[in-house]
Amino acid sequence: NLALVKPLIQKAQTKGAKFILLPELALNKYSWEGCIAWSSAESLDSITQDEQSTIKELMELASKLNIYIALTFLEAEHNHFFNTFILLNPSGKIEANTKIRKEYPASN
């Protein structure tokens, strides 16, 4: 999915966009049936070490284009998975205090 998203981000930036919000879980393998490919989950701790990290590639793109990119991704931490929001800043870093794990409303 990153191969589809990157040209759209670049096109938006050339048209003047400074803040780009990607659709929820746009980078992960997600089907209309609600099935998520858990193998596409990434750990925030390993992003800088993993050359194949989609988040790392977007961090580099944000820096190169001098833009903000907001996204959610499937985060893996130990044996748990989270739908996590982060904001990448124009320096190519995760903006402080923007890691937010989606919480579902309690049911009665």
PDB file of N, CA and C in Angstrom:
ATOM      1  N   ASN A   1       0.808  -1.207   0.000  1.00  0.00           N
ATOM      2  CA  ASN A   1       0.000   0.000   0.000  1.00  0.00           C
ATOM      3  C   ASN A   1       0.851   1.271   0.000  1.00  0.00           C
ATOM      4  N   LEU A   2       2.054   1.179   0.523  1.00  0.00           N
ATOM      5  CA  LEU A   2       2.934   2.343   0.553  1.00  0.00           C
ATOM      6  C   LEU A   2       3.241   2.834  -0.861  1.00  0.00           C
ATOM      7  N   ALA A   3       3.391   1.902  -1.787  1.00  0.00           N
ATOM      8  CA  ALA A   3       3.674   2.276  -3.175  1.00  0.00           C
ATOM      9  C   ALA A   3       2.533   3.087  -3.785  1.00  0.00           C
ATOM     10  N   LEU A   4       1.324   2.883  -3.314  1.00  0.00           N
ATOM     11  CA  LEU A   4       0.173   3.656  -3.789  1.00  0.00           C
ATOM     12  C   LEU A   4       0.079   5.013  -3.113  1.00  0.00           C
ATOM     13  N   VAL A   5       0.439   5.057  -1.842  1.00  0.00           N
ATOM     14  CA  VAL A   5       0.281   6.264  -1.029  1.00  0.00           C
ATOM     15  C   VAL A   5       1.353   7.322  -1.318  1.00  0.00           C
ATOM     16  N   LYS A   6       2.600   6.875  -1.491  1.00  0.00           N
ATOM     17  CA  LYS A   6       3.706   7.826  -1.658  1.00  0.00           C
ATOM     18  C   LYS A   6       3.511   8.804  -2.823  1.00  0.00           C
ATOM     19  N   PRO A   7       3.122   8.342  -4.023  1.00  0.00           N
ATOM     20  CA  PRO A   7       2.926   9.305  -5.116  1.00  0.00           C
ATOM     21  C   PRO A   7       1.798  10.302  -4.841  1.00  0.00           C
ATOM     22  N   LEU A   8       0.778   9.861  -4.117  1.00  0.00           N
ATOM     23  CA  LEU A   8      -0.326  10.761  -3.776  1.00  0.00           C
ATOM     24  C   LEU A   8       0.133  11.830  -2.789  1.00  0.00           C
ATOM     25  N   ILE A   9       0.971  11.441  -1.841  1.00  0.00           N
ATOM     26  CA  ILE A   9       1.529  12.407  -0.885  1.00  0.00           C
ATOM     27  C   ILE A   9       2.385  13.423  -1.628  1.00  0.00           C
ATOM     28  N   GLN A  10       3.232  12.941  -2.525  1.00  0.00           N
ATOM     29  CA  GLN A  10       4.106  13.829  -3.293  1.00  0.00           C
ATOM     30  C   GLN A  10       3.293  14.789  -4.163  1.00  0.00           C
ATOM     31  N   LYS A  11       2.228  14.285  -4.765  1.00  0.00           N
ATOM     32  CA  LYS A  11       1.366  15.127  -5.603  1.00  0.00           C
ATOM     33  C   LYS A  11       0.686  16.210  -4.757  1.00  0.00           C
ATOM     34  N   ALA A  12       0.195  15.822  -3.585  1.00  0.00           N
ATOM     35  CA  ALA A  12      -0.455  16.794  -2.695  1.00  0.00           C
ATOM     36  C   ALA A  12       0.527  17.881  -2.262  1.00  0.00           C
ATOM     37  N   GLN A  13       1.764  17.490  -1.971  1.00  0.00           N
ATOM     38  CA  GLN A  13       2.771  18.457  -1.553  1.00  0.00           C
ATOM     39  C   GLN A  13       3.094  19.435  -2.682  1.00  0.00           C
ATOM     40  N   THR A  14       3.164  18.950  -3.913  1.00  0.00           N
ATOM     41  CA  THR A  14       3.462  19.851  -5.034  1.00  0.00           C
ATOM     42  C   THR A  14       2.326  20.844  -5.266  1.00  0.00           C
ATOM     43  N   LYS A  15       1.126  20.497  -4.788  1.00  0.00           N
ATOM     44  CA  LYS A  15      -0.018  21.403  -4.909  1.00  0.00           C
ATOM     45  C   LYS A  15      -0.167  22.297  -3.689  1.00  0.00           C
ATOM     46  N   GLY A  16       0.814  22.216  -2.761  1.00  0.00           N
ATOM     47  CA  GLY A  16       0.824  23.132  -1.631  1.00  0.00           C
ATOM     48  C   GLY A  16       0.426  22.556  -0.286  1.00  0.00           C
ATOM     49  N   ALA A  17       0.101  21.267  -0.222  1.00  0.00           N
ATOM     50  CA  ALA A  17      -0.297  20.665   1.052  1.00  0.00           C
ATOM     51  C   ALA A  17       0.885  20.645   2.022  1.00  0.00           C
ATOM     52  N   LYS A  18       0.637  21.016   3.259  1.00  0.00           N
ATOM     53  CA  LYS A  18       1.651  20.971   4.318  1.00  0.00           C
ATOM     54  C   LYS A  18       1.312  19.938   5.385  1.00  0.00           C
ATOM     55  N   PHE A  19       0.050  19.471   5.391  1.00  0.00           N
ATOM     56  CA  PHE A  19      -0.436  18.503   6.372  1.00  0.00           C
ATOM     57  C   PHE A  19      -1.256  17.470   5.619  1.00  0.00           C
ATOM     58  N   ILE A  20      -0.851  16.212   5.712  1.00  0.00           N
ATOM     59  CA  ILE A  20      -1.539  15.152   4.987  1.00  0.00           C
ATOM     60  C   ILE A  20      -2.011  14.108   5.984  1.00  0.00           C
ATOM     61  N   LEU A  21      -3.294  13.791   5.925  1.00  0.00           N
ATOM     62  CA  LEU A  21      -3.906  12.795   6.794  1.00  0.00           C
ATOM     63  C   LEU A  21      -4.270  11.584   5.946  1.00  0.00           C
ATOM     64  N   LEU A  22      -3.645  10.459   6.238  1.00  0.00           N
ATOM     65  CA  LEU A  22      -3.924   9.234   5.496  1.00  0.00           C
ATOM     66  C   LEU A  22      -5.163   8.550   6.059  1.00  0.00           C
ATOM     67  N   PRO A  23      -5.878   7.798   5.218  1.00  0.00           N
ATOM     68  CA  PRO A  23      -7.031   7.040   5.719  1.00  0.00           C
ATOM     69  C   PRO A  23      -6.595   6.013   6.774  1.00  0.00           C
ATOM     70  N   GLU A  24      -7.509   5.650   7.630  1.00  0.00           N
ATOM     71  CA  GLU A  24      -7.209   4.720   8.711  1.00  0.00           C
ATOM     72  C   GLU A  24      -6.636   3.410   8.172  1.00  0.00           C
ATOM     73  N   LEU A  25      -5.527   2.982   8.756  1.00  0.00           N
ATOM     74  CA  LEU A  25      -4.835   1.748   8.405  1.00  0.00           C
ATOM     75  C   LEU A  25      -4.515   1.638   6.915  1.00  0.00           C
ATOM     76  N   ALA A  26      -4.243   2.780   6.280  1.00  0.00           N
ATOM     77  CA  ALA A  26      -3.985   2.809   4.839  1.00  0.00           C
ATOM     78  C   ALA A  26      -2.755   1.997   4.442  1.00  0.00           C
ATOM     79  N   LEU A  27      -1.818   1.827   5.341  1.00  0.00           N
ATOM     80  CA  LEU A  27      -0.583   1.126   5.007  1.00  0.00           C
ATOM     81  C   LEU A  27      -0.649  -0.369   5.264  1.00  0.00           C
ATOM     82  N   ASN A  28      -1.642  -0.812   6.011  1.00  0.00           N
ATOM     83  CA  ASN A  28      -1.744  -2.218   6.377  1.00  0.00           C
ATOM     84  C   ASN A  28      -2.677  -2.964   5.443  1.00  0.00           C
ATOM     85  N   LYS A  29      -2.489  -4.250   5.390  1.00  0.00           N
ATOM     86  CA  LYS A  29      -3.355  -5.100   4.566  1.00  0.00           C
ATOM     87  C   LYS A  29      -4.675  -5.275   5.311  1.00  0.00           C
ATOM     88  N   TYR A  30      -5.699  -4.656   4.795  1.00  0.00           N
ATOM     89  CA  TYR A  30      -6.993  -4.625   5.467  1.00  0.00           C
ATOM     90  C   TYR A  30      -8.070  -4.823   4.412  1.00  0.00           C
ATOM     91  N   SER A  31      -8.982  -5.740   4.628  1.00  0.00           N
ATOM     92  CA  SER A  31     -10.008  -6.010   3.623  1.00  0.00           C
ATOM     93  C   SER A  31     -11.362  -5.481   4.085  1.00  0.00           C
ATOM     94  N   TRP A  32     -12.296  -5.418   3.156  1.00  0.00           N
ATOM     95  CA  TRP A  32     -13.652  -4.946   3.481  1.00  0.00           C
ATOM     96  C   TRP A  32     -14.333  -5.861   4.488  1.00  0.00           C
ATOM     97  N   GLU A  33     -13.888  -7.098   4.564  1.00  0.00           N
ATOM     98  CA  GLU A  33     -14.488  -8.035   5.514  1.00  0.00           C
ATOM     99  C   GLU A  33     -13.987  -7.787   6.940  1.00  0.00           C
ATOM    100  N   GLY A  34     -13.065  -6.834   7.093  1.00  0.00           N
ATOM    101  CA  GLY A  34     -12.564  -6.512   8.417  1.00  0.00           C
ATOM    102  C   GLY A  34     -11.377  -7.357   8.840  1.00  0.00           C
ATOM    103  N   CYS A  35     -10.878  -8.181   7.936  1.00  0.00           N
ATOM    104  CA  CYS A  35      -9.733  -9.028   8.253  1.00  0.00           C
ATOM    105  C   CYS A  35      -8.445  -8.230   8.089  1.00  0.00           C
ATOM    106  N   ILE A  36      -7.608  -8.251   9.090  1.00  0.00           N
ATOM    107  CA  ILE A  36      -6.332  -7.552   9.047  1.00  0.00           C
ATOM    108  C   ILE A  36      -5.213  -8.586   8.980  1.00  0.00           C
ATOM    109  N   ALA A  37      -4.242  -8.344   8.126  1.00  0.00           N
ATOM    110  CA  ALA A  37      -3.072  -9.220   8.069  1.00  0.00           C
ATOM    111  C   ALA A  37      -2.137  -8.816   9.202  1.00  0.00           C
ATOM    112  N   TRP A  38      -2.163  -9.589  10.281  1.00  0.00           N
ATOM    113  CA  TRP A  38      -1.389  -9.237  11.475  1.00  0.00           C
ATOM    114  C   TRP A  38       0.108  -9.199  11.183  1.00  0.00           C
ATOM    115  N   SER A  39       0.527  -9.884  10.129  1.00  0.00           N
ATOM    116  CA  SER A  39       1.953  -9.906   9.793  1.00  0.00           C
ATOM    117  C   SER A  39       2.459  -8.542   9.329  1.00  0.00           C
ATOM    118  N   SER A  40       1.550  -7.622   9.008  1.00  0.00           N
ATOM    119  CA  SER A  40       1.964  -6.282   8.570  1.00  0.00           C
ATOM    120  C   SER A  40       2.136  -5.313   9.745  1.00  0.00           C
ATOM    121  N   ALA A  41       1.922  -5.791  10.966  1.00  0.00           N
ATOM    122  CA  ALA A  41       2.070  -4.938  12.151  1.00  0.00           C
ATOM    123  C   ALA A  41       3.526  -4.540  12.340  1.00  0.00           C
ATOM    124  N   GLU A  42       3.739  -3.319  12.864  1.00  0.00           N
ATOM    125  CA  GLU A  42       5.087  -2.811  13.116  1.00  0.00           C
ATOM    126  C   GLU A  42       5.223  -2.379  14.562  1.00  0.00           C
ATOM    127  N   SER A  43       6.418  -2.491  15.083  1.00  0.00           N
ATOM    128  CA  SER A  43       6.723  -2.028  16.428  1.00  0.00           C
ATOM    129  C   SER A  43       7.392  -0.663  16.332  1.00  0.00           C
ATOM    130  N   LEU A  44       6.916   0.310  17.095  1.00  0.00           N
ATOM    131  CA  LEU A  44       7.547   1.630  17.087  1.00  0.00           C
ATOM    132  C   LEU A  44       8.998   1.559  17.550  1.00  0.00           C
ATOM    133  N   ASP A  45       9.293   0.637  18.428  1.00  0.00           N
ATOM    134  CA  ASP A  45      10.660   0.509  18.940  1.00  0.00           C
ATOM    135  C   ASP A  45      11.659   0.073  17.867  1.00  0.00           C
ATOM    136  N   SER A  46      11.194  -0.648  16.855  1.00  0.00           N
ATOM    137  CA  SER A  46      12.125  -1.187  15.866  1.00  0.00           C
ATOM    138  C   SER A  46      12.124  -0.416  14.544  1.00  0.00           C
ATOM    139  N   ILE A  47      11.370   0.659  14.454  1.00  0.00           N
ATOM    140  CA  ILE A  47      11.256   1.396  13.189  1.00  0.00           C
ATOM    141  C   ILE A  47      12.604   1.853  12.656  1.00  0.00           C
ATOM    142  N   THR A  48      13.433   2.438  13.498  1.00  0.00           N
ATOM    143  CA  THR A  48      14.701   2.980  13.020  1.00  0.00           C
ATOM    144  C   THR A  48      15.697   1.892  12.642  1.00  0.00           C
ATOM    145  N   GLN A  49      15.495   0.676  13.137  1.00  0.00           N
ATOM    146  CA  GLN A  49      16.409  -0.423  12.834  1.00  0.00           C
ATOM    147  C   GLN A  49      15.965  -1.234  11.632  1.00  0.00           C
ATOM    148  N   ASP A  50      14.704  -1.147  11.271  1.00  0.00           N
ATOM    149  CA  ASP A  50      14.135  -1.979  10.211  1.00  0.00           C
ATOM    150  C   ASP A  50      14.124  -1.217   8.893  1.00  0.00           C
ATOM    151  N   GLU A  51      14.951  -1.644   7.952  1.00  0.00           N
ATOM    152  CA  GLU A  51      15.027  -0.977   6.648  1.00  0.00           C
ATOM    153  C   GLU A  51      13.738  -1.144   5.846  1.00  0.00           C
ATOM    154  N   GLN A  52      12.918  -2.134   6.178  1.00  0.00           N
ATOM    155  CA  GLN A  52      11.676  -2.385   5.453  1.00  0.00           C
ATOM    156  C   GLN A  52      10.459  -1.690   6.082  1.00  0.00           C
ATOM    157  N   SER A  53      10.682  -0.898   7.099  1.00  0.00           N
ATOM    158  CA  SER A  53       9.589  -0.257   7.821  1.00  0.00           C
ATOM    159  C   SER A  53       8.872   0.781   6.959  1.00  0.00           C
ATOM    160  N   THR A  54       7.557   0.623   6.834  1.00  0.00           N
ATOM    161  CA  THR A  54       6.771   1.611   6.082  1.00  0.00           C
ATOM    162  C   THR A  54       6.737   2.943   6.831  1.00  0.00           C
ATOM    163  N   ILE A  55       6.734   2.889   8.149  1.00  0.00           N
ATOM    164  CA  ILE A  55       6.724   4.121   8.946  1.00  0.00           C
ATOM    165  C   ILE A  55       8.033   4.873   8.727  1.00  0.00           C
ATOM    166  N   LYS A  56       9.148   4.150   8.726  1.00  0.00           N
ATOM    167  CA  LYS A  56      10.446   4.788   8.501  1.00  0.00           C
ATOM    168  C   LYS A  56      10.472   5.464   7.128  1.00  0.00           C
ATOM    169  N   GLU A  57       9.930   4.816   6.117  1.00  0.00           N
ATOM    170  CA  GLU A  57       9.895   5.419   4.782  1.00  0.00           C
ATOM    171  C   GLU A  57       9.059   6.698   4.776  1.00  0.00           C
ATOM    172  N   LEU A  58       7.948   6.694   5.514  1.00  0.00           N
ATOM    173  CA  LEU A  58       7.121   7.903   5.587  1.00  0.00           C
ATOM    174  C   LEU A  58       7.817   9.000   6.388  1.00  0.00           C
ATOM    175  N   MET A  59       8.594   8.628   7.388  1.00  0.00           N
ATOM    176  CA  MET A  59       9.362   9.613   8.152  1.00  0.00           C
ATOM    177  C   MET A  59      10.366  10.312   7.229  1.00  0.00           C
ATOM    178  N   GLU A  60      11.023   9.526   6.392  1.00  0.00           N
ATOM    179  CA  GLU A  60      11.979  10.084   5.438  1.00  0.00           C
ATOM    180  C   GLU A  60      11.279  10.971   4.413  1.00  0.00           C
ATOM    181  N   LEU A  61      10.087  10.567   3.977  1.00  0.00           N
ATOM    182  CA  LEU A  61       9.330  11.360   3.010  1.00  0.00           C
ATOM    183  C   LEU A  61       8.865  12.678   3.619  1.00  0.00           C
ATOM    184  N   ALA A  62       8.395  12.639   4.867  1.00  0.00           N
ATOM    185  CA  ALA A  62       7.970  13.871   5.545  1.00  0.00           C
ATOM    186  C   ALA A  62       9.124  14.856   5.624  1.00  0.00           C
ATOM    187  N   SER A  63      10.303  14.346   5.933  1.00  0.00           N
ATOM    188  CA  SER A  63      11.492  15.196   6.018  1.00  0.00           C
ATOM    189  C   SER A  63      11.877  15.746   4.641  1.00  0.00           C
ATOM    190  N   LYS A  64      11.893  14.891   3.663  1.00  0.00           N
ATOM    191  CA  LYS A  64      12.271  15.296   2.301  1.00  0.00           C
ATOM    192  C   LYS A  64      11.334  16.362   1.741  1.00  0.00           C
ATOM    193  N   LEU A  65      10.033  16.198   1.998  1.00  0.00           N
ATOM    194  CA  LEU A  65       9.028  17.124   1.456  1.00  0.00           C
ATOM    195  C   LEU A  65       8.711  18.276   2.400  1.00  0.00           C
ATOM    196  N   ASN A  66       9.254  18.231   3.644  1.00  0.00           N
ATOM    197  CA  ASN A  66       9.022  19.276   4.638  1.00  0.00           C
ATOM    198  C   ASN A  66       7.529  19.440   4.952  1.00  0.00           C
ATOM    199  N   ILE A  67       6.879  18.312   5.264  1.00  0.00           N
ATOM    200  CA  ILE A  67       5.438  18.298   5.540  1.00  0.00           C
ATOM    201  C   ILE A  67       5.149  17.460   6.788  1.00  0.00           C
ATOM    202  N   TYR A  68       3.918  17.590   7.277  1.00  0.00           N
ATOM    203  CA  TYR A  68       3.395  16.723   8.328  1.00  0.00           C
ATOM    204  C   TYR A  68       2.616  15.596   7.658  1.00  0.00           C
ATOM    205  N   ILE A  69       2.753  14.383   8.185  1.00  0.00           N
ATOM    206  CA  ILE A  69       1.952  13.250   7.724  1.00  0.00           C
ATOM    207  C   ILE A  69       1.331  12.602   8.955  1.00  0.00           C
ATOM    208  N   ALA A  70       0.012  12.527   8.974  1.00  0.00           N
ATOM    209  CA  ALA A  70      -0.719  11.893  10.075  1.00  0.00           C
ATOM    210  C   ALA A  70      -1.259  10.551   9.576  1.00  0.00           C
ATOM    211  N   LEU A  71      -1.125   9.537  10.406  1.00  0.00           N
ATOM    212  CA  LEU A  71      -1.566   8.211   9.967  1.00  0.00           C
ATOM    213  C   LEU A  71      -1.868   7.309  11.138  1.00  0.00           C
ATOM    214  N   THR A  72      -2.616   6.258  10.854  1.00  0.00           N
ATOM    215  CA  THR A  72      -2.784   5.171  11.808  1.00  0.00           C
ATOM    216  C   THR A  72      -2.148   3.940  11.185  1.00  0.00           C
ATOM    217  N   PHE A  73      -1.656   3.062  12.033  1.00  0.00           N
ATOM    218  CA  PHE A  73      -1.039   1.835  11.557  1.00  0.00           C
ATOM    219  C   PHE A  73      -1.270   0.741  12.583  1.00  0.00           C
ATOM    220  N   LEU A  74      -1.056  -0.483  12.164  1.00  0.00           N
ATOM    221  CA  LEU A  74      -1.199  -1.618  13.062  1.00  0.00           C
ATOM    222  C   LEU A  74       0.104  -1.774  13.834  1.00  0.00           C
ATOM    223  N   GLU A  75       0.042  -1.462  15.134  1.00  0.00           N
ATOM    224  CA  GLU A  75       1.221  -1.519  15.987  1.00  0.00           C
ATOM    225  C   GLU A  75       1.251  -2.837  16.756  1.00  0.00           C
ATOM    226  N   ALA A  76       2.418  -3.457  16.783  1.00  0.00           N
ATOM    227  CA  ALA A  76       2.620  -4.672  17.570  1.00  0.00           C
ATOM    228  C   ALA A  76       3.508  -4.344  18.755  1.00  0.00           C
ATOM    229  N   GLU A  77       3.065  -4.742  19.924  1.00  0.00           N
ATOM    230  CA  GLU A  77       3.887  -4.596  21.128  1.00  0.00           C
ATOM    231  C   GLU A  77       3.725  -5.868  21.942  1.00  0.00           C
ATOM    232  N   HIS A  78       4.803  -6.622  22.012  1.00  0.00           N
ATOM    233  CA  HIS A  78       4.795  -7.941  22.654  1.00  0.00           C
ATOM    234  C   HIS A  78       3.748  -8.806  21.942  1.00  0.00           C
ATOM    235  N   ASN A  79       2.748  -9.296  22.643  1.00  0.00           N
ATOM    236  CA  ASN A  79       1.721 -10.130  22.020  1.00  0.00           C
ATOM    237  C   ASN A  79       0.418  -9.368  21.800  1.00  0.00           C
ATOM    238  N   HIS A  80       0.482  -8.035  21.750  1.00  0.00           N
ATOM    239  CA  HIS A  80      -0.718  -7.223  21.605  1.00  0.00           C
ATOM    240  C   HIS A  80      -0.643  -6.402  20.323  1.00  0.00           C
ATOM    241  N   PHE A  81      -1.798  -6.106  19.771  1.00  0.00           N
ATOM    242  CA  PHE A  81      -1.887  -5.294  18.557  1.00  0.00           C
ATOM    243  C   PHE A  81      -2.772  -4.081  18.838  1.00  0.00           C
ATOM    244  N   PHE A  82      -2.403  -2.937  18.242  1.00  0.00           N
ATOM    245  CA  PHE A  82      -3.131  -1.691  18.455  1.00  0.00           C
ATOM    246  C   PHE A  82      -3.295  -0.953  17.130  1.00  0.00           C
ATOM    247  N   ASN A  83      -4.409  -0.277  16.987  1.00  0.00           N
ATOM    248  CA  ASN A  83      -4.621   0.661  15.888  1.00  0.00           C
ATOM    249  C   ASN A  83      -4.103   1.994  16.437  1.00  0.00           C
ATOM    250  N   THR A  84      -2.893   2.397  16.015  1.00  0.00           N
ATOM    251  CA  THR A  84      -2.198   3.517  16.633  1.00  0.00           C
ATOM    252  C   THR A  84      -2.070   4.704  15.688  1.00  0.00           C
ATOM    253  N   PHE A  85      -2.365   5.903  16.202  1.00  0.00           N
ATOM    254  CA  PHE A  85      -2.212   7.158  15.459  1.00  0.00           C
ATOM    255  C   PHE A  85      -0.874   7.780  15.823  1.00  0.00           C
ATOM    256  N   ILE A  86      -0.160   8.295  14.804  1.00  0.00           N
ATOM    257  CA  ILE A  86       1.041   9.097  15.045  1.00  0.00           C
ATOM    258  C   ILE A  86       1.068  10.259  14.052  1.00  0.00           C
ATOM    259  N   LEU A  87       1.779  11.296  14.417  1.00  0.00           N
ATOM    260  CA  LEU A  87       1.973  12.458  13.559  1.00  0.00           C
ATOM    261  C   LEU A  87       3.458  12.605  13.282  1.00  0.00           C
ATOM    262  N   LEU A  88       3.821  12.546  12.001  1.00  0.00           N
ATOM    263  CA  LEU A  88       5.209  12.734  11.591  1.00  0.00           C
ATOM    264  C   LEU A  88       5.407  14.202  11.252  1.00  0.00           C
ATOM    265  N   ASN A  89       6.474  14.802  11.786  1.00  0.00           N
ATOM    266  CA  ASN A  89       6.698  16.233  11.550  1.00  0.00           C
ATOM    267  C   ASN A  89       7.665  16.451  10.377  1.00  0.00           C
ATOM    268  N   PRO A  90       7.823  17.700   9.926  1.00  0.00           N
ATOM    269  CA  PRO A  90       8.699  17.990   8.788  1.00  0.00           C
ATOM    270  C   PRO A  90      10.175  17.656   9.014  1.00  0.00           C
ATOM    271  N   SER A  91      10.549  17.348  10.236  1.00  0.00           N
ATOM    272  CA  SER A  91      11.917  16.908  10.515  1.00  0.00           C
ATOM    273  C   SER A  91      12.063  15.397  10.345  1.00  0.00           C
ATOM    274  N   GLY A  92      10.944  14.734  10.046  1.00  0.00           N
ATOM    275  CA  GLY A  92      10.978  13.289   9.874  1.00  0.00           C
ATOM    276  C   GLY A  92      10.923  12.520  11.173  1.00  0.00           C
ATOM    277  N   LYS A  93      10.454  13.160  12.225  1.00  0.00           N
ATOM    278  CA  LYS A  93      10.351  12.529  13.549  1.00  0.00           C
ATOM    279  C   LYS A  93       8.873  12.388  13.928  1.00  0.00           C
ATOM    280  N   ILE A  94       8.615  11.495  14.883  1.00  0.00           N
ATOM    281  CA  ILE A  94       7.260  11.390  15.431  1.00  0.00           C
ATOM    282  C   ILE A  94       7.078  12.544  16.389  1.00  0.00           C
ATOM    283  N   GLU A  95       6.074  13.359  16.136  1.00  0.00           N
ATOM    284  CA  GLU A  95       5.799  14.535  16.968  1.00  0.00           C
ATOM    285  C   GLU A  95       5.529  14.082  18.400  1.00  0.00           C
ATOM    286  N   ALA A  96       6.109  14.781  19.342  1.00  0.00           N
ATOM    287  CA  ALA A  96       5.979  14.423  20.757  1.00  0.00           C
ATOM    288  C   ALA A  96       4.512  14.326  21.172  1.00  0.00           C
ATOM    289  N   ASN A  97       4.225  13.325  21.961  1.00  0.00           N
ATOM    290  CA  ASN A  97       2.891  13.118  22.552  1.00  0.00           C
ATOM    291  C   ASN A  97       1.786  12.908  21.534  1.00  0.00           C
ATOM    292  N   THR A  98       2.111  12.372  20.359  1.00  0.00           N
ATOM    293  CA  THR A  98       1.047  12.121  19.378  1.00  0.00           C
ATOM    294  C   THR A  98       0.758  10.643  19.181  1.00  0.00           C
ATOM    295  N   LYS A  99       1.458   9.763  19.867  1.00  0.00           N
ATOM    296  CA  LYS A  99       1.156   8.337  19.759  1.00  0.00           C
ATOM    297  C   LYS A  99      -0.110   8.065  20.562  1.00  0.00           C
ATOM    298  N   ILE A 100      -1.171   7.746  19.843  1.00  0.00           N
ATOM    299  CA  ILE A 100      -2.463   7.518  20.490  1.00  0.00           C
ATOM    300  C   ILE A 100      -3.013   6.181  20.015  1.00  0.00           C
ATOM    301  N   ARG A 101      -3.267   5.292  20.943  1.00  0.00           N
ATOM    302  CA  ARG A 101      -3.867   4.004  20.610  1.00  0.00           C
ATOM    303  C   ARG A 101      -5.380   4.147  20.656  1.00  0.00           C
ATOM    304  N   LYS A 102      -6.014   3.737  19.569  1.00  0.00           N
ATOM    305  CA  LYS A 102      -7.464   3.858  19.472  1.00  0.00           C
ATOM    306  C   LYS A 102      -8.128   3.006  20.527  1.00  0.00           C
ATOM    307  N   GLU A 103      -9.069   3.608  21.225  1.00  0.00           N
ATOM    308  CA  GLU A 103      -9.844   2.894  22.227  1.00  0.00           C
ATOM    309  C   GLU A 103     -11.295   2.839  21.775  1.00  0.00           C
ATOM    310  N   TYR A 104     -11.864   1.673  21.904  1.00  0.00           N
ATOM    311  CA  TYR A 104     -13.261   1.495  21.497  1.00  0.00           C
ATOM    312  C   TYR A 104     -14.177   1.824  22.666  1.00  0.00           C
ATOM    313  N   PRO A 105     -15.328   2.418  22.380  1.00  0.00           N
ATOM    314  CA  PRO A 105     -16.245   2.743  23.472  1.00  0.00           C
ATOM    315  C   PRO A 105     -16.704   1.484  24.197  1.00  0.00           C
ATOM    316  N   ALA A 106     -16.908   1.608  25.476  1.00  0.00           N
ATOM    317  CA  ALA A 106     -17.382   0.465  26.271  1.00  0.00           C
ATOM    318  C   ALA A 106     -18.804   0.119  25.859  1.00  0.00           C
ATOM    319  N   SER A 107     -19.099  -1.157  25.859  1.00  0.00           N
ATOM    320  CA  SER A 107     -20.462  -1.579  25.530  1.00  0.00           C
ATOM    321  C   SER A 107     -21.219  -1.882  26.822  1.00  0.00           C
ATOM    322  N   ASN A 108     -22.524  -1.750  26.762  1.00  0.00           N
ATOM    323  CA  ASN A 108     -23.363  -1.992  27.945  1.00  0.00           C
ATOM    324  C   ASN A 108     -23.822  -3.431  27.976  1.00  0.00           C
TER     325      ASN A 108
END
